[in-house]
C-alpha cells in the first residue's frame, strides 16, 4: 500500500497516503493508520469481518470519519481492522457515501506485534487533495 510516515509533528505520528482512485487512497490511509499501531498491518488475519457505511458532506470529512471509525472499533470492540474493499460514491449533490468491508483480528491476539495506541485522528494538517494523477491525504494521529 502506498504511504509514508512524515516528521511534521513532535508528540504525534503523521503520514501521507495516496492512490490512483479515491478508494485506493482510503485503503492506503487505513493501512498507514493501522501501521502506526501494529507491525505489518498487511499480515492481519481475516478472523473478524465488519461492514461499514458512512456518509459525509466532503471527501475530507469522509476519510476523517472512516479513520475515526476504525479507531472506535479498536477501542469499543478491541479489534484491529483494515479494509478489504471500499466503494465511494456521490450520494447527492452535497454528500459522499462510503461502503467498506473490513477484516482483522482481536487486539488480544496481536501481542508483541502491537506498537503504540492511537487515541485520535486530528484535524491538524489533515487534507485530501488531487495532485496530478493521484489522490493524496495527510493525516496526523494522536498517540
Protein backbone atom coordinates (compact mmCIF):
# COMPACT_ATOMS: atom_id res chain seq x y z
CA UNK A 1 0.00 0.00 0.00
CA UNK A 2 1.43 3.42 -0.86
CA UNK A 3 2.05 5.64 2.15
CA UNK A 4 4.94 7.26 4.01
CA UNK A 5 5.40 8.49 7.55
CA UNK A 6 6.15 12.19 7.97
CA UNK A 7 8.24 14.08 10.51
CA UNK A 8 5.96 17.13 10.87
CA UNK A 9 4.84 16.78 14.49
CA UNK A 10 6.79 16.07 17.64
CA UNK A 11 4.42 14.24 20.01
CA UNK A 12 2.19 12.54 17.47
CA UNK A 13 2.53 10.46 14.31
CA UNK A 14 1.83 11.74 10.81
CA UNK A 15 1.56 10.10 7.42
CA UNK A 16 0.77 10.84 3.81
CA UNK A 17 -1.22 8.24 1.89
CA UNK A 18 -2.07 8.13 -1.79
CA UNK A 19 -3.80 6.17 -4.51
CA UNK A 20 -4.89 6.42 -8.12
CA UNK A 21 -8.54 6.34 -7.04
CA UNK A 22 -10.41 7.64 -4.01
CA UNK A 23 -10.89 4.04 -2.91
CA UNK A 24 -7.16 3.28 -3.12
CA UNK A 25 -6.46 6.42 -1.09
CA UNK A 26 -8.84 5.35 1.68
CA UNK A 27 -7.36 1.84 1.77
CA UNK A 28 -3.80 3.24 1.90
CA UNK A 29 -4.73 5.66 4.69
CA UNK A 30 -6.31 2.85 6.72
CA UNK A 31 -3.19 0.70 6.26
CA UNK A 32 -0.97 3.60 7.34
CA UNK A 33 -3.13 4.21 10.43
CA UNK A 34 -3.01 0.53 11.33
CA UNK A 35 0.74 0.50 10.67
CA UNK A 36 1.20 3.06 13.43
CA UNK A 37 -0.44 0.59 15.84
CA UNK A 38 0.85 -2.80 14.68
CA UNK A 39 3.81 -4.14 12.74
CA UNK A 40 2.93 -5.25 9.21
CA UNK A 41 -0.81 -4.48 9.01
CA UNK A 42 -0.95 -6.47 5.77
CA UNK A 43 -0.39 -9.58 7.87
CA UNK A 44 -3.61 -9.17 9.85
CA UNK A 45 -5.65 -12.33 9.54
CA UNK A 46 -9.30 -12.13 8.41
CA UNK A 47 -10.70 -13.58 11.64
CA UNK A 48 -13.26 -10.80 12.15
CA UNK A 49 -15.29 -9.11 9.41
CA UNK A 50 -17.30 -5.89 9.55
CA UNK A 51 -19.22 -3.79 7.05
CA UNK A 52 -19.10 -0.04 7.38
CA UNK A 53 -21.39 2.53 5.79
CA UNK A 54 -20.70 6.25 6.22
CA UNK A 55 -21.95 9.45 4.65
CA UNK A 56 -20.35 12.89 4.89
CA UNK A 57 -20.52 16.22 3.09
CA UNK A 58 -16.97 16.12 1.71
CA UNK A 59 -14.30 13.56 0.82
CA UNK A 60 -12.10 15.08 3.51
CA UNK A 61 -14.69 14.53 6.23
CA UNK A 62 -15.49 11.10 4.81
CA UNK A 63 -11.86 10.00 5.20
CA UNK A 64 -11.75 11.56 8.67
CA UNK A 65 -14.92 9.67 9.70
CA UNK A 66 -13.62 6.43 8.16
CA UNK A 67 -10.36 6.54 10.10
CA UNK A 68 -12.19 7.58 13.28
CA UNK A 69 -14.50 4.57 12.90
CA UNK A 70 -11.53 2.21 12.63
CA UNK A 71 -10.24 3.68 15.91
CA UNK A 72 -13.69 3.44 17.51
CA UNK A 73 -13.91 -0.27 16.66
CA UNK A 74 -10.42 -0.76 18.12
CA UNK A 75 -11.44 0.87 21.38
CA UNK A 76 -15.05 -0.31 21.68
CA UNK A 77 -14.74 -3.86 20.33
CA UNK A 78 -10.97 -4.43 20.79
CA UNK A 79 -10.47 -5.33 17.11
CA UNK A 80 -7.90 -4.01 14.68
CA UNK A 81 -9.34 -3.85 11.17
CA UNK A 82 -8.19 -2.89 7.68
CA UNK A 83 -10.33 -2.53 4.57
CA UNK A 84 -10.60 -5.29 2.04
CA UNK A 85 -12.93 -3.33 -0.24
CA UNK A 86 -14.01 0.29 -0.32
CA UNK A 87 -16.63 1.86 -2.55
CA UNK A 88 -17.12 5.63 -2.61
CA UNK A 89 -19.92 7.33 -4.49
CA UNK A 90 -21.55 10.71 -4.63
CA UNK A 91 -24.89 10.19 -2.87
CA UNK A 92 -26.30 13.64 -3.59
CA UNK A 93 -25.04 16.97 -4.81
CA UNK A 94 -23.63 17.72 -1.39
CA UNK A 95 -22.57 14.41 0.15
CA UNK A 96 -20.40 11.34 -0.35
CA UNK A 97 -21.17 7.80 0.74
CA UNK A 98 -18.69 5.08 1.66
CA UNK A 99 -19.32 1.36 1.92
CA UNK A 100 -16.39 -0.70 3.16
CA UNK A 101 -15.71 -4.31 4.03
CA UNK A 102 -13.12 -4.61 6.79
CA UNK A 103 -11.29 -7.56 8.27
CA UNK A 104 -8.84 -8.13 11.06
CA UNK A 105 -8.12 -9.61 14.45
CA UNK A 106 -8.81 -9.18 18.13
CA UNK A 107 -6.24 -6.90 19.77
CA UNK A 108 -5.51 -9.53 22.42
CA UNK A 109 -4.30 -11.92 19.71
CA UNK A 110 -1.71 -9.46 18.35
CA UNK A 111 0.51 -9.50 21.44
CA UNK A 112 4.08 -8.40 20.78
CA UNK A 113 3.22 -7.11 17.30
CA UNK A 114 1.44 -4.10 18.86
CA UNK A 115 3.41 -0.86 18.67
CA UNK A 116 1.56 2.18 20.07
CA UNK A 117 -2.05 3.03 20.81
CA UNK A 118 -3.55 5.72 18.59
CA UNK A 119 -6.01 7.78 20.62
CA UNK A 120 -7.48 10.01 17.92
CA UNK A 121 -7.33 11.33 14.38
CA UNK A 122 -6.69 15.07 14.48
CA UNK A 123 -7.71 17.82 12.10
CA UNK A 124 -4.23 19.35 12.40
CA UNK A 125 -2.68 19.32 8.89
CA UNK A 126 -5.50 16.97 7.74
CA UNK A 127 -6.08 17.24 3.99
CA UNK A 128 -7.36 15.34 0.98
CA UNK A 129 -6.44 16.56 -2.47
CA UNK A 130 -5.99 15.51 -6.05
CA UNK A 131 -2.42 16.10 -7.31
CA UNK A 132 -1.67 15.23 -10.89
CA UNK A 133 -2.99 11.68 -11.31
CA UNK A 134 -3.06 10.76 -7.60
CA UNK A 135 -5.37 11.32 -4.65
CA UNK A 136 -3.34 12.25 -1.56
CA UNK A 137 -4.12 12.67 2.12
CA UNK A 138 -2.08 13.99 5.01
CA UNK A 139 -3.10 12.71 8.45
CA UNK A 140 -1.82 13.40 11.98
CA UNK A 141 -2.80 10.98 14.74
CA UNK A 142 -2.63 11.48 18.49
CA UNK A 143 -0.70 8.68 20.23
